[in-house]
Protein backbone atom coordinates (compact mmCIF):
# COMPACT_ATOMS: atom_id res chain seq x y z
CA UNK A 1 24.83 3.70 23.52
CA UNK A 2 23.34 1.02 21.28
CA UNK A 3 21.41 -1.57 23.26
CA UNK A 4 21.27 -5.27 22.55
CA UNK A 5 18.54 -5.60 19.93
CA UNK A 6 17.61 -8.93 18.40
CA UNK A 7 16.25 -8.02 14.97
CA UNK A 8 16.52 -9.05 11.36
CA UNK A 9 13.81 -9.10 8.75
CA UNK A 10 16.32 -10.74 6.47
CA UNK A 11 17.14 -13.69 8.66
CA UNK A 12 15.29 -16.98 8.45
CA UNK A 13 16.54 -17.95 11.89
CA UNK A 14 13.94 -18.13 14.65
CA UNK A 15 13.94 -15.17 17.02
CA UNK A 16 15.58 -15.78 20.39
CA UNK A 17 17.21 -19.02 19.22
CA UNK A 18 20.79 -19.84 20.20
CA UNK A 19 21.85 -18.99 16.64
CA UNK A 20 20.41 -15.48 16.98
CA UNK A 21 22.28 -14.91 20.23
CA UNK A 22 25.49 -16.11 18.61
CA UNK A 23 24.90 -13.80 15.65
CA UNK A 24 24.29 -10.87 17.96
CA UNK A 25 27.44 -11.46 19.99
CA UNK A 26 29.48 -11.62 16.81
CA UNK A 27 27.90 -8.43 15.47
CA UNK A 28 26.18 -10.39 12.73
CA UNK A 29 22.65 -9.09 13.32
CA UNK A 30 23.65 -5.48 12.97
CA UNK A 31 25.77 -6.35 9.94
CA UNK A 32 22.77 -8.03 8.32
CA UNK A 33 20.65 -4.95 9.05
CA UNK A 34 23.32 -2.73 7.51
CA UNK A 35 23.38 -4.73 4.28
CA UNK A 36 19.74 -3.88 3.68
CA UNK A 37 20.51 -0.14 3.91
CA UNK A 38 22.25 -0.14 0.52
CA UNK A 39 20.21 0.07 -2.71
CA UNK A 40 22.70 -2.24 -4.42
CA UNK A 41 21.67 -4.98 -1.97
CA UNK A 42 18.14 -4.87 -3.41
CA UNK A 43 18.93 -4.34 -7.08
CA UNK A 44 19.88 -7.97 -7.63
CA UNK A 45 16.57 -9.20 -6.23
CA UNK A 46 14.67 -7.11 -8.78
CA UNK A 47 16.10 -8.92 -11.80
CA UNK A 48 13.32 -10.78 -13.66
CA UNK A 49 10.73 -9.57 -11.14
CA UNK A 50 7.40 -8.39 -12.56
CA UNK A 51 7.37 -4.67 -11.70
CA UNK A 52 4.58 -3.49 -14.02
CA UNK A 53 2.32 -2.62 -11.10
CA UNK A 54 4.92 -2.30 -8.36
CA UNK A 55 7.13 -4.39 -6.11
CA UNK A 56 5.27 -7.27 -4.46
CA UNK A 57 6.57 -9.71 -1.88
CA UNK A 58 2.98 -10.73 -1.16
CA UNK A 59 1.18 -10.73 -4.54
CA UNK A 60 -2.48 -9.77 -4.62
CA UNK A 61 -5.00 -10.18 -7.38
CA UNK A 62 -5.10 -6.78 -9.05
CA UNK A 63 -8.04 -4.92 -10.52
CA UNK A 64 -6.76 -2.05 -12.69
CA UNK A 65 -9.36 0.53 -13.78
CA UNK A 66 -8.57 3.04 -16.53
CA UNK A 67 -11.24 5.73 -16.53
CA UNK A 68 -10.16 7.08 -19.94
CA UNK A 69 -10.37 3.65 -21.58
CA UNK A 70 -13.50 2.64 -19.69
CA UNK A 71 -11.93 -0.66 -18.71
CA UNK A 72 -11.45 -2.83 -15.64
CA UNK A 73 -8.67 -5.42 -15.99
CA UNK A 74 -8.14 -8.39 -13.71
CA UNK A 75 -4.57 -9.63 -13.19
CA UNK A 76 -3.73 -12.67 -11.09
CA UNK A 77 -0.25 -13.76 -9.94
CA UNK A 78 1.20 -17.07 -11.03
CA UNK A 79 3.63 -19.21 -9.04
CA UNK A 80 6.52 -16.94 -10.07
CA UNK A 81 4.66 -13.82 -8.82
CA UNK A 82 4.17 -12.57 -12.37
CA UNK A 83 0.84 -10.92 -13.12
CA UNK A 84 -1.21 -12.50 -15.89
CA UNK A 85 -4.12 -10.69 -17.54
CA UNK A 86 -7.12 -12.86 -16.67
CA UNK A 87 -9.93 -10.73 -18.06
CA UNK A 88 -10.61 -7.26 -19.45
CA UNK A 89 -14.08 -5.84 -18.78
CA UNK A 90 -15.76 -2.80 -20.26
CA UNK A 91 -16.65 -0.47 -17.40
CA UNK A 92 -18.75 2.60 -16.67
CA UNK A 93 -17.20 5.17 -14.32
CA UNK A 94 -18.27 8.58 -13.00
CA UNK A 95 -19.90 11.14 -15.28
CA UNK A 96 -17.29 13.79 -14.50
CA UNK A 97 -13.55 13.49 -15.18
CA UNK A 98 -10.83 13.92 -12.56
CA UNK A 99 -10.32 12.74 -9.00
CA UNK A 100 -13.19 12.56 -6.54
CA UNK A 101 -13.07 15.35 -3.96
CA UNK A 102 -16.58 15.73 -2.58
CA UNK A 103 -19.79 13.84 -1.98
CA UNK A 104 -22.00 13.97 -5.07
CA UNK A 105 -19.38 15.34 -7.50
CA UNK A 106 -20.05 12.42 -9.89
CA UNK A 107 -16.34 11.51 -10.02
CA UNK A 108 -14.71 8.11 -9.59
CA UNK A 109 -11.78 8.42 -7.15
CA UNK A 110 -8.16 7.96 -8.19
CA UNK A 111 -6.12 5.82 -5.83
CA UNK A 112 -5.36 2.37 -4.44
CA UNK A 113 -8.12 0.58 -2.58
CA UNK A 114 -9.00 -2.73 -0.98
CA UNK A 115 -12.34 -4.49 -1.24
CA UNK A 116 -13.86 -4.26 2.22
CA UNK A 117 -17.17 -6.05 1.72
CA UNK A 118 -18.95 -8.39 -0.66
CA UNK A 119 -22.61 -7.33 -0.73
CA UNK A 120 -25.09 -9.91 -1.97
CA UNK A 121 -28.29 -8.03 -1.13
CA UNK A 122 -28.32 -4.83 -3.18
CA UNK A 123 -30.95 -2.79 -4.96
CA UNK A 124 -31.63 -4.39 -8.39
CA UNK A 125 -30.45 -1.12 -9.97
CA UNK A 126 -26.91 -2.16 -9.00
CA UNK A 127 -27.16 -5.64 -10.48
CA UNK A 128 -26.85 -8.97 -8.65
CA UNK A 129 -24.21 -7.95 -6.08
CA UNK A 130 -21.44 -5.46 -5.37
CA UNK A 131 -17.96 -5.08 -3.92
CA UNK A 132 -17.51 -2.17 -1.49
CA UNK A 133 -14.16 -0.37 -1.80
CA UNK A 134 -12.11 1.26 0.95
CA UNK A 135 -12.63 4.80 -0.39
CA UNK A 136 -11.78 7.13 1.27
CA UNK A 137 -8.40 5.56 2.00
CA UNK A 138 -5.81 7.00 4.36
CA UNK A 139 -4.34 9.36 1.75
CA UNK A 140 -7.84 10.52 0.75
CA UNK A 141 -8.73 11.26 4.36
CA UNK A 142 -5.67 13.35 5.19
CA UNK A 143 -6.36 15.44 2.08
CA UNK A 144 -9.91 16.04 3.21
CA UNK A 145 -11.64 14.16 0.40
CA UNK A 146 -15.31 13.54 1.10
CA UNK A 147 -17.90 10.93 0.23
CA UNK A 148 -18.11 7.17 0.52
CA UNK A 149 -20.03 4.24 -0.93
CA UNK A 150 -17.76 3.66 -3.93
CA UNK A 151 -18.59 0.19 -5.23
CA UNK A 152 -17.83 -2.13 -8.07
CA UNK A 153 -21.33 -3.18 -9.10
CA UNK A 154 -23.45 -4.37 -12.00
CA UNK A 155 -26.12 -2.79 -14.17
CA UNK A 156 -29.90 -2.69 -13.59
CA UNK A 157 -31.71 -6.00 -13.61
CA UNK A 158 -34.75 -6.78 -15.76
CA UNK A 159 -33.51 -4.71 -18.72
CA UNK A 160 -34.04 -1.40 -16.96
CA UNK A 161 -32.16 1.28 -18.94
CA UNK A 162 -29.46 3.43 -17.37
CA UNK A 163 -27.02 6.17 -18.35
CA UNK A 164 -23.57 5.15 -19.69
CA UNK A 165 -21.87 6.51 -16.57
CA UNK A 166 -22.15 6.25 -12.77
CA UNK A 167 -22.25 8.66 -9.86
CA UNK A 168 -18.69 7.61 -8.99
CA UNK A 169 -18.75 3.83 -8.81
CA UNK A 170 -17.36 1.32 -11.31
CA UNK A 171 -20.07 -0.67 -13.11
CA UNK A 172 -19.59 -3.73 -15.31
CA UNK A 173 -21.91 -6.17 -17.08
CA UNK A 174 -23.80 -8.43 -14.67
CA UNK A 175 -22.47 -11.66 -16.16
CA UNK A 176 -18.94 -10.30 -15.86
CA UNK A 177 -19.59 -9.27 -12.27
CA UNK A 178 -20.76 -12.77 -11.37
CA UNK A 179 -17.68 -14.22 -13.09
CA UNK A 180 -15.43 -11.79 -11.21
CA UNK A 181 -17.07 -12.77 -7.92
CA UNK A 182 -16.24 -16.41 -8.61
CA UNK A 183 -12.64 -15.60 -9.57
CA UNK A 184 -11.29 -13.34 -6.82
CA UNK A 185 -10.94 -13.42 -3.06
CA UNK A 186 -12.01 -9.88 -2.03
CA UNK A 187 -9.74 -10.05 1.03
CA UNK A 188 -6.72 -10.60 -1.21
CA UNK A 189 -7.45 -8.15 -4.03
CA UNK A 190 -6.26 -4.60 -4.67
CA UNK A 191 -8.04 -2.05 -6.85
CA UNK A 192 -5.96 0.56 -8.68
CA UNK A 193 -7.95 3.40 -10.27
CA UNK A 194 -6.40 6.05 -12.50
CA UNK A 195 -7.38 8.25 -15.40
CA UNK A 196 -4.81 6.42 -17.50
CA UNK A 197 -2.82 3.67 -15.82
CA UNK A 198 0.79 4.53 -14.99
CA UNK A 199 3.71 3.46 -17.09
CA UNK A 200 6.62 1.29 -16.00
CA UNK A 201 8.79 2.63 -13.15
CA UNK A 202 12.58 2.30 -13.26
CA UNK A 203 13.61 -0.61 -10.98
CA UNK A 204 16.28 1.57 -9.38
CA UNK A 205 13.50 3.50 -7.63
CA UNK A 206 12.35 0.35 -5.87
CA UNK A 207 15.92 -0.35 -4.76
CA UNK A 208 16.17 3.14 -3.29
CA UNK A 209 12.77 2.88 -1.57
CA UNK A 210 13.56 -0.53 -0.05
CA UNK A 211 16.94 0.64 1.21
CA UNK A 212 15.34 3.81 2.63
CA UNK A 213 12.64 1.77 4.33
CA UNK A 214 15.31 -0.26 6.12
CA UNK A 215 17.32 2.88 6.95
CA UNK A 216 14.17 4.21 8.63
CA UNK A 217 13.73 0.94 10.49
CA UNK A 218 17.42 0.85 11.48
CA UNK A 219 17.15 4.33 13.04
CA UNK A 220 13.96 3.23 14.81
CA UNK A 221 15.50 0.06 16.22
CA UNK A 222 18.70 1.73 17.39
CA UNK A 223 16.98 4.81 18.91
CA UNK A 224 18.50 7.32 16.47
CA UNK A 225 15.74 9.90 16.82
CA UNK A 226 17.15 12.58 14.51
CA UNK A 227 17.67 10.15 11.62
CA UNK A 228 14.28 8.54 12.25
CA UNK A 229 12.45 11.89 12.15
CA UNK A 230 14.37 13.01 9.05
CA UNK A 231 12.28 10.55 7.04
CA UNK A 232 9.07 12.45 7.87
CA UNK A 233 7.91 15.30 5.65
CA UNK A 234 7.04 18.59 7.42
CA UNK A 235 3.53 18.17 6.00
CA UNK A 236 3.20 14.72 7.61
CA UNK A 237 -0.19 13.84 9.06
CA UNK A 238 -0.84 10.51 10.78
CA UNK A 239 -4.03 8.47 10.39
CA UNK A 240 -5.44 9.98 13.59
CA UNK A 241 -4.76 13.57 12.50
CA UNK A 242 -1.51 13.99 14.45
CA UNK A 243 0.70 16.50 12.58
CA UNK A 244 4.49 16.46 12.38
CA UNK A 245 5.06 18.69 15.43
CA UNK A 246 2.77 16.55 17.57
CA UNK A 247 4.26 13.35 16.17
CA UNK A 248 7.80 14.57 16.90
CA UNK A 249 6.93 15.33 20.53
CA UNK A 250 5.27 11.92 20.85
CA UNK A 251 8.30 10.09 19.44
CA UNK A 252 10.69 12.09 21.64
CA UNK A 253 8.88 10.67 24.66
CA UNK A 254 9.02 7.13 23.27
CA UNK A 255 12.69 7.28 22.26
CA UNK A 256 13.67 8.79 25.62
CA UNK A 257 12.83 5.42 27.21
CA UNK A 258 15.83 4.04 25.29
CA UNK A 259 14.21 0.62 25.16
CA UNK A 260 15.51 -2.33 23.19
CA UNK A 261 13.18 -3.05 20.28
CA UNK A 262 12.58 -6.00 17.99
CA UNK A 263 11.11 -4.92 14.66
CA UNK A 264 10.48 -7.22 11.73
CA UNK A 265 9.11 -6.27 8.30
CA UNK A 266 7.76 -8.90 5.93
CA UNK A 267 5.49 -9.14 2.87
CA UNK A 268 6.50 -5.68 1.65
CA UNK A 269 4.50 -4.28 -1.28
CA UNK A 270 5.34 -0.97 -3.00
CA UNK A 271 2.95 0.49 -5.57
CA UNK A 272 3.31 3.74 -7.56
CA UNK A 273 0.40 5.89 -6.43
CA UNK A 274 -2.06 6.88 -9.19
CA UNK A 275 -2.78 10.50 -10.05
CA UNK A 276 -1.02 13.56 -11.37
CA UNK A 277 1.70 13.78 -8.72
CA UNK A 278 4.87 11.91 -9.62
CA UNK A 279 7.08 9.75 -7.40
CA UNK A 280 4.42 8.95 -4.81
CA UNK A 281 4.36 5.34 -3.58
CA UNK A 282 2.04 3.38 -1.33
CA UNK A 283 3.92 0.90 0.88
CA UNK A 284 2.20 -1.84 2.82
CA UNK A 285 3.85 -4.53 4.92
CA UNK A 286 3.37 -6.75 7.93
CA UNK A 287 5.16 -5.42 10.99
CA UNK A 288 6.08 -7.05 14.26
CA UNK A 289 7.19 -4.63 16.99
CA UNK A 290 8.21 -5.78 20.45
CA UNK A 291 9.62 -3.68 23.29
CA UNK A 292 9.35 -3.84 27.06
CA UNK A 293 6.35 -1.51 27.03
CA UNK A 294 4.55 -2.30 23.77
CA UNK A 295 3.83 -5.10 21.33
CA UNK A 296 2.22 -4.86 17.90
CA UNK A 297 1.78 -7.26 15.03
CA UNK A 298 -0.25 -6.39 11.94
CA UNK A 299 -0.36 -4.49 8.68
CA UNK A 300 1.24 -1.08 8.35
CA UNK A 301 0.79 1.41 5.50
CA UNK A 302 2.93 4.38 4.44
CA UNK A 303 2.43 6.95 1.69
CA UNK A 304 5.87 8.20 0.68
CA UNK A 305 7.45 10.56 -1.83
CA UNK A 306 10.75 9.80 -3.53
CA UNK A 307 12.49 13.17 -3.78
CA UNK A 308 14.78 14.41 -6.54
CA UNK A 309 17.80 13.92 -4.26
CA UNK A 310 16.75 10.25 -3.86
CA UNK A 311 15.70 10.76 -0.24
CA UNK A 312 12.40 9.39 1.02
CA UNK A 313 9.71 11.46 2.75
CA UNK A 314 6.86 9.85 4.65
CA UNK A 315 3.65 11.83 4.09
CA UNK A 316 1.29 9.71 6.18
CA UNK A 317 1.19 6.35 7.95
CA UNK A 318 -1.29 4.01 9.54
């Protein structure tokens, strides 16, 4: 039996208002949820949207590093959420090619990272300052990748010579680093690192992913455990190490409460994940979850695979 659930990420009406109650009683809330389950619902919203780096409802400044080209490009969104190339910097990366796997392998990682810290007091070998990246990210950790301390930094001060590569970091000219520091907000910047940056992705894939994301949420809201779990890959591993079997048992206990839930997604961003594997996407959004026994509001991340049959598999989440 479906319980009375007040939920719609698509509605601009305030939760618990009289209008929401009226919509619920008329079946409107569930109808609005159902509209979002269809890829055709999303396809119209993708027209004229800048999808070169992904689908962004909340646009970040983007730093795109191509290891093969030895470049770091800064893109900033304009008022229409289109990314404009602000600056292209020459960059040193790790001595060895390929994705970073272990501490000391001299490789720059491939992935999507945030800038977690702006360090002003660094050894002069690293220039005037540095940005600390979030390596290893969630996907790195579940794959057992090792190491840390991946920075964007400068070059040695006082004309000290250095090799034309790093131990895994990204290094740019000191003047450029200072300019970059003045241009970006580290808390609102994403770093994409790849051997060679990915090409354009067909917009239909974003329509399918968005519809699948809302199908997953719909099953979650309406306590459809089998459908909800069908979105999880057998290889799934959660941020805390919980595997699929453990996760399934955990969710069976939660769903057995048969609680009404309010779940809202907003500021959804979907980015093709760098690397050799195709059809992997990093999804990040703000989630509000309210039930009788639990409340959460904050950022949520998923790493998903779009399968050949157009189904979506969640590989990890945090």
